[in-house]
Amino acid sequence: MKPLVPGDAVLCSDGANGYKNPAATGGLAHFVVGSKPGTRVASGCYHIQNVNSLHARYKRFIKPFCAPATKNLSGYIRWLEVRLAGMQPADIFRTA
């Protein structure tokens, strides 16, 4: 996971068994965020709403492209990150 996931990344999951070992092996902090009242926030700052919101934004962004090829997904994700940061296309070319 190291070349793809930064060392300071945090894994938030629903607590399924499949996440515990990869998080430990990769040296990631693992927070369990549930969907029931009282379990929706982990450590005061990791909310289930954050995950749901980002997932909804990604789905809205990717839908018009009609299922792009897997090999191109990283580019689409970078594009989404730039849009979420509020940058305009002209700003990107000015900084290059």
Protein backbone atom coordinates (compact mmCIF):
# COMPACT_ATOMS: atom_id res chain seq x y z
CA MET A 1 0.00 0.00 0.00
CA LYS A 2 2.92 2.36 0.60
CA PRO A 3 3.53 3.51 -2.96
CA LEU A 4 -0.15 4.31 -3.49
CA VAL A 5 -1.33 5.36 -0.02
CA PRO A 6 0.53 8.09 1.89
CA GLY A 7 1.88 7.13 5.31
CA ASP A 8 -0.31 9.70 7.07
CA ALA A 9 -3.54 8.39 5.49
CA VAL A 10 -6.37 7.21 7.70
CA LEU A 11 -8.67 4.28 6.92
CA CYS A 12 -12.28 4.76 7.98
CA SER A 13 -14.45 1.68 7.60
CA ASP A 14 -17.67 0.12 8.76
CA GLY A 15 -15.73 -2.34 10.92
CA ALA A 16 -15.88 -5.33 8.58
CA ASN A 17 -13.17 -7.91 9.22
CA GLY A 18 -11.57 -7.36 5.82
CA TYR A 19 -10.17 -3.94 6.77
CA LYS A 20 -8.37 -4.68 10.04
CA ASN A 21 -5.42 -6.69 8.70
CA PRO A 22 -4.62 -4.52 5.65
CA ALA A 23 -4.67 -1.43 7.86
CA ALA A 24 -2.27 -3.02 10.34
CA THR A 25 -0.01 -4.36 7.60
CA GLY A 26 0.07 -1.00 5.82
CA GLY A 27 0.68 0.93 9.04
CA LEU A 28 -2.53 2.94 8.66
CA ALA A 29 -4.63 4.31 11.48
CA HIS A 30 -7.99 2.50 11.31
CA PHE A 31 -11.15 4.08 12.64
CA VAL A 32 -14.47 2.26 12.70
CA VAL A 33 -17.39 4.51 11.80
CA GLY A 34 -20.84 2.99 12.13
CA SER A 35 -24.25 3.88 10.82
CA LYS A 36 -26.13 3.64 14.12
CA PRO A 37 -26.62 6.63 16.43
CA GLY A 38 -23.64 7.08 18.73
CA THR A 39 -21.23 5.35 16.35
CA ARG A 40 -21.30 7.78 13.42
CA VAL A 41 -18.26 9.72 14.64
CA ALA A 42 -14.85 8.24 15.41
CA SER A 43 -12.22 10.16 17.34
CA GLY A 44 -14.25 13.37 17.11
CA CYS A 45 -13.41 14.18 13.49
CA TYR A 46 -14.08 11.14 11.29
CA HIS A 47 -17.76 11.23 10.32
CA ILE A 48 -19.74 8.76 8.23
CA GLN A 49 -21.26 11.82 6.51
CA ASN A 50 -17.80 12.81 5.18
CA VAL A 51 -17.39 9.44 3.50
CA ASN A 52 -20.94 9.44 2.14
CA SER A 53 -20.60 12.99 0.84
CA LEU A 54 -17.35 12.30 -1.00
CA HIS A 55 -18.79 9.11 -2.50
CA ALA A 56 -21.90 10.98 -3.70
CA ARG A 57 -19.76 13.73 -5.25
CA TYR A 58 -17.62 11.16 -7.03
CA LYS A 59 -20.70 9.37 -8.42
CA ARG A 60 -22.19 12.66 -9.68
CA PHE A 61 -18.88 13.61 -11.28
CA ILE A 62 -18.17 10.27 -13.00
CA LYS A 63 -21.72 9.52 -14.23
CA PRO A 64 -21.60 11.66 -17.43
CA PHE A 65 -18.50 9.80 -18.61
CA CYS A 66 -20.44 6.51 -19.00
CA ALA A 67 -18.13 4.13 -17.12
CA PRO A 68 -14.60 5.20 -18.06
CA ALA A 69 -11.89 2.56 -18.37
CA THR A 70 -10.27 1.46 -15.11
CA LYS A 71 -6.83 2.46 -16.39
CA ASN A 72 -8.06 6.09 -16.60
CA LEU A 73 -9.72 6.32 -13.17
CA SER A 74 -6.70 7.90 -11.45
CA GLY A 75 -6.84 10.79 -13.92
CA TYR A 76 -10.55 11.29 -13.34
CA ILE A 77 -9.99 11.24 -9.57
CA ARG A 78 -7.26 13.89 -9.92
CA TRP A 79 -9.65 15.95 -12.04
CA LEU A 80 -12.32 15.66 -9.34
CA GLU A 81 -9.81 16.72 -6.66
CA VAL A 82 -8.97 19.85 -8.65
CA ARG A 83 -12.65 20.67 -9.09
CA LEU A 84 -13.36 20.11 -5.38
CA ALA A 85 -10.46 22.44 -4.55
CA GLY A 86 -12.28 25.15 -6.51
CA MET A 87 -9.64 25.57 -9.21
CA GLN A 88 -10.62 26.65 -12.70
CA PRO A 89 -9.05 25.08 -15.82
CA ALA A 90 -7.22 28.34 -16.57
CA ASP A 91 -5.65 28.25 -13.08
CA ILE A 92 -4.16 24.83 -13.76
CA PHE A 93 -2.45 25.99 -16.93
CA ARG A 94 -1.11 29.12 -15.21
CA THR A 95 0.57 27.06 -12.48
CA ALA A 96 2.15 24.58 -14.92
